[in-house]
Amino acid sequence: MSKFGELINEKLPLLLVFYNAEDQISSSMHPVLKDVAAAMGDKGKVIKIDTEKNHKLSEALRVKVLPTLMIYKLGEMVWRQSGEQDANTLISLMQDYVN
């Protein structure tokens, strides 16, 4: 968990996406996430977290529905949503948290 603390404590907005490779909706989000990462460039980060490999973290953050998306900035969760999202919405949200 200490690495997670370091990860979310950055000045850049960080989009965390909790997914499972077996879940079709989660898998369909991958191209969207690539678009978001490309649009944000070095102004934000997108990190996918497999719930199967990160069970404790998923439980600690009470991830129940996949995909679950969260935006962190300076160690604080500033946005959270479950379910499929489109690239434009995510890019707009991320840009709201760029300095």
C-alpha atoms as a PDB file:
ATOM      1  CA  MET A   1       0.000   0.000   0.000  1.00  0.00           C
ATOM      2  CA  SER A   2       2.931   2.399   0.529  1.00  0.00           C
ATOM      3  CA  LYS A   3       3.593   2.410  -3.221  1.00  0.00           C
ATOM      4  CA  PHE A   4      -0.058   3.284  -3.744  1.00  0.00           C
ATOM      5  CA  GLY A   5       0.359   6.239  -1.374  1.00  0.00           C
ATOM      6  CA  GLU A   6       3.334   7.492  -3.373  1.00  0.00           C
ATOM      7  CA  LEU A   7       1.470   6.981  -6.638  1.00  0.00           C
ATOM      8  CA  ILE A   8      -1.628   8.998  -5.697  1.00  0.00           C
ATOM      9  CA  ASN A   9       0.332  11.784  -4.024  1.00  0.00           C
ATOM     10  CA  GLU A  10       1.472  13.367  -7.286  1.00  0.00           C
ATOM     11  CA  LYS A  11       0.562  16.848  -8.502  1.00  0.00           C
ATOM     12  CA  LEU A  12      -0.669  15.462 -11.813  1.00  0.00           C
ATOM     13  CA  PRO A  13      -4.199  14.067 -11.952  1.00  0.00           C
ATOM     14  CA  LEU A  14      -4.143  10.287 -11.871  1.00  0.00           C
ATOM     15  CA  LEU A  15      -6.937   8.200 -13.372  1.00  0.00           C
ATOM     16  CA  LEU A  16      -7.118   4.761 -11.772  1.00  0.00           C
ATOM     17  CA  VAL A  17      -9.192   2.158 -13.562  1.00  0.00           C
ATOM     18  CA  PHE A  18     -10.060  -0.999 -11.665  1.00  0.00           C
ATOM     19  CA  TYR A  19     -10.851  -3.800 -14.082  1.00  0.00           C
ATOM     20  CA  ASN A  20     -10.836  -7.553 -14.534  1.00  0.00           C
ATOM     21  CA  ALA A  21      -9.587  -9.181 -17.730  1.00  0.00           C
ATOM     22  CA  GLU A  22     -12.601 -11.537 -17.682  1.00  0.00           C
ATOM     23  CA  ASP A  23     -15.078  -8.649 -17.628  1.00  0.00           C
ATOM     24  CA  GLN A  24     -16.159  -7.602 -21.143  1.00  0.00           C
ATOM     25  CA  ILE A  25     -17.071  -4.015 -20.251  1.00  0.00           C
ATOM     26  CA  SER A  26     -13.713  -3.560 -18.500  1.00  0.00           C
ATOM     27  CA  SER A  27     -11.908  -4.898 -21.554  1.00  0.00           C
ATOM     28  CA  SER A  28     -13.861  -2.635 -23.892  1.00  0.00           C
ATOM     29  CA  MET A  29     -12.555   0.371 -21.926  1.00  0.00           C
ATOM     30  CA  HIS A  30      -8.897  -0.270 -22.891  1.00  0.00           C
ATOM     31  CA  PRO A  31      -8.988   1.667 -26.210  1.00  0.00           C
ATOM     32  CA  VAL A  32     -10.798   4.541 -24.447  1.00  0.00           C
ATOM     33  CA  LEU A  33      -8.076   4.645 -21.797  1.00  0.00           C
ATOM     34  CA  LYS A  34      -5.364   4.744 -24.472  1.00  0.00           C
ATOM     35  CA  ASP A  35      -7.120   7.750 -26.005  1.00  0.00           C
ATOM     36  CA  VAL A  36      -7.299   9.483 -22.620  1.00  0.00           C
ATOM     37  CA  ALA A  37      -3.608   8.806 -21.940  1.00  0.00           C
ATOM     38  CA  ALA A  38      -2.650  10.109 -25.396  1.00  0.00           C
ATOM     39  CA  ALA A  39      -4.769  13.244 -24.987  1.00  0.00           C
ATOM     40  CA  MET A  40      -3.365  14.007 -21.538  1.00  0.00           C
ATOM     41  CA  GLY A  41       0.257  13.428 -22.514  1.00  0.00           C
ATOM     42  CA  ASP A  42       2.489  14.488 -19.624  1.00  0.00           C
ATOM     43  CA  LYS A  43      -0.327  16.410 -17.885  1.00  0.00           C
ATOM     44  CA  GLY A  44      -1.891  13.317 -16.321  1.00  0.00           C
ATOM     45  CA  LYS A  45      -1.554   9.579 -15.883  1.00  0.00           C
ATOM     46  CA  VAL A  46      -3.837   6.640 -16.546  1.00  0.00           C
ATOM     47  CA  ILE A  47      -3.206   3.445 -14.594  1.00  0.00           C
ATOM     48  CA  LYS A  48      -5.142   0.200 -14.979  1.00  0.00           C
ATOM     49  CA  ILE A  49      -5.397  -1.980 -11.881  1.00  0.00           C
ATOM     50  CA  ASP A  50      -6.403  -5.629 -12.252  1.00  0.00           C
ATOM     51  CA  THR A  51      -8.655  -6.481  -9.300  1.00  0.00           C
ATOM     52  CA  GLU A  52      -7.539 -10.122  -9.405  1.00  0.00           C
ATOM     53  CA  LYS A  53      -3.894  -9.147  -8.850  1.00  0.00           C
ATOM     54  CA  ASN A  54      -4.659  -6.299  -6.425  1.00  0.00           C
ATOM     55  CA  HIS A  55      -7.357  -7.821  -4.259  1.00  0.00           C
ATOM     56  CA  LYS A  56      -6.420  -6.006  -1.023  1.00  0.00           C
ATOM     57  CA  LEU A  57      -6.321  -2.590  -2.680  1.00  0.00           C
ATOM     58  CA  SER A  58      -9.651  -3.237  -4.420  1.00  0.00           C
ATOM     59  CA  GLU A  59     -11.215  -4.210  -1.095  1.00  0.00           C
ATOM     60  CA  ALA A  60      -9.691  -1.233   0.731  1.00  0.00           C
ATOM     61  CA  LEU A  61     -11.201   1.138  -1.857  1.00  0.00           C
ATOM     62  CA  ARG A  62     -14.513  -0.768  -1.834  1.00  0.00           C
ATOM     63  CA  VAL A  63     -14.482  -1.558  -5.548  1.00  0.00           C
ATOM     64  CA  LYS A  64     -17.634  -3.594  -6.152  1.00  0.00           C
ATOM     65  CA  VAL A  65     -18.591  -2.813  -9.775  1.00  0.00           C
ATOM     66  CA  LEU A  66     -16.244  -3.074 -12.753  1.00  0.00           C
ATOM     67  CA  PRO A  67     -14.907  -1.001 -14.194  1.00  0.00           C
ATOM     68  CA  THR A  68     -14.541   1.519 -11.367  1.00  0.00           C
ATOM     69  CA  LEU A  69     -12.703   4.709 -12.235  1.00  0.00           C
ATOM     70  CA  MET A  70     -11.165   7.175  -9.781  1.00  0.00           C
ATOM     71  CA  ILE A  71      -9.235  10.390 -10.195  1.00  0.00           C
ATOM     72  CA  TYR A  72      -6.690  11.264  -7.527  1.00  0.00           C
ATOM     73  CA  LYS A  73      -4.739  14.474  -7.118  1.00  0.00           C
ATOM     74  CA  LEU A  74      -2.294  15.263  -4.303  1.00  0.00           C
ATOM     75  CA  GLY A  75      -3.329  12.122  -2.426  1.00  0.00           C
ATOM     76  CA  GLU A  76      -7.031  12.893  -2.476  1.00  0.00           C
ATOM     77  CA  MET A  77      -9.776  11.172  -4.440  1.00  0.00           C
ATOM     78  CA  VAL A  78     -11.512  13.963  -6.360  1.00  0.00           C
ATOM     79  CA  TRP A  79     -13.838  11.884  -8.567  1.00  0.00           C
ATOM     80  CA  ARG A  80     -15.173   8.329  -8.661  1.00  0.00           C
ATOM     81  CA  GLN A  81     -17.580   6.554 -10.994  1.00  0.00           C
ATOM     82  CA  SER A  82     -18.444   2.946 -11.774  1.00  0.00           C
ATOM     83  CA  GLY A  83     -19.322   1.686 -15.223  1.00  0.00           C
ATOM     84  CA  GLU A  84     -18.280   2.475 -18.749  1.00  0.00           C
ATOM     85  CA  GLN A  85     -17.219   6.040 -19.570  1.00  0.00           C
ATOM     86  CA  ASP A  86     -16.351   7.682 -22.885  1.00  0.00           C
ATOM     87  CA  ALA A  87     -12.974   9.228 -23.682  1.00  0.00           C
ATOM     88  CA  ASN A  88     -14.221  12.816 -24.006  1.00  0.00           C
ATOM     89  CA  THR A  89     -15.829  12.744 -20.549  1.00  0.00           C
ATOM     90  CA  LEU A  90     -12.683  11.333 -18.959  1.00  0.00           C
ATOM     91  CA  ILE A  91     -10.390  13.785 -20.764  1.00  0.00           C
ATOM     92  CA  SER A  92     -12.579  16.707 -19.669  1.00  0.00           C
ATOM     93  CA  LEU A  93     -12.580  15.488 -16.069  1.00  0.00           C
ATOM     94  CA  MET A  94      -8.816  15.023 -16.051  1.00  0.00           C
ATOM     95  CA  GLN A  95      -8.240  18.481 -17.539  1.00  0.00           C
ATOM     96  CA  ASP A  96     -10.320  19.986 -14.714  1.00  0.00           C
ATOM     97  CA  TYR A  97      -7.572  18.883 -12.312  1.00  0.00           C
ATOM     98  CA  VAL A  98      -4.526  20.007 -14.306  1.00  0.00           C
ATOM     99  CA  ASN A  99      -2.811  23.010 -12.656  1.00  0.00           C
END
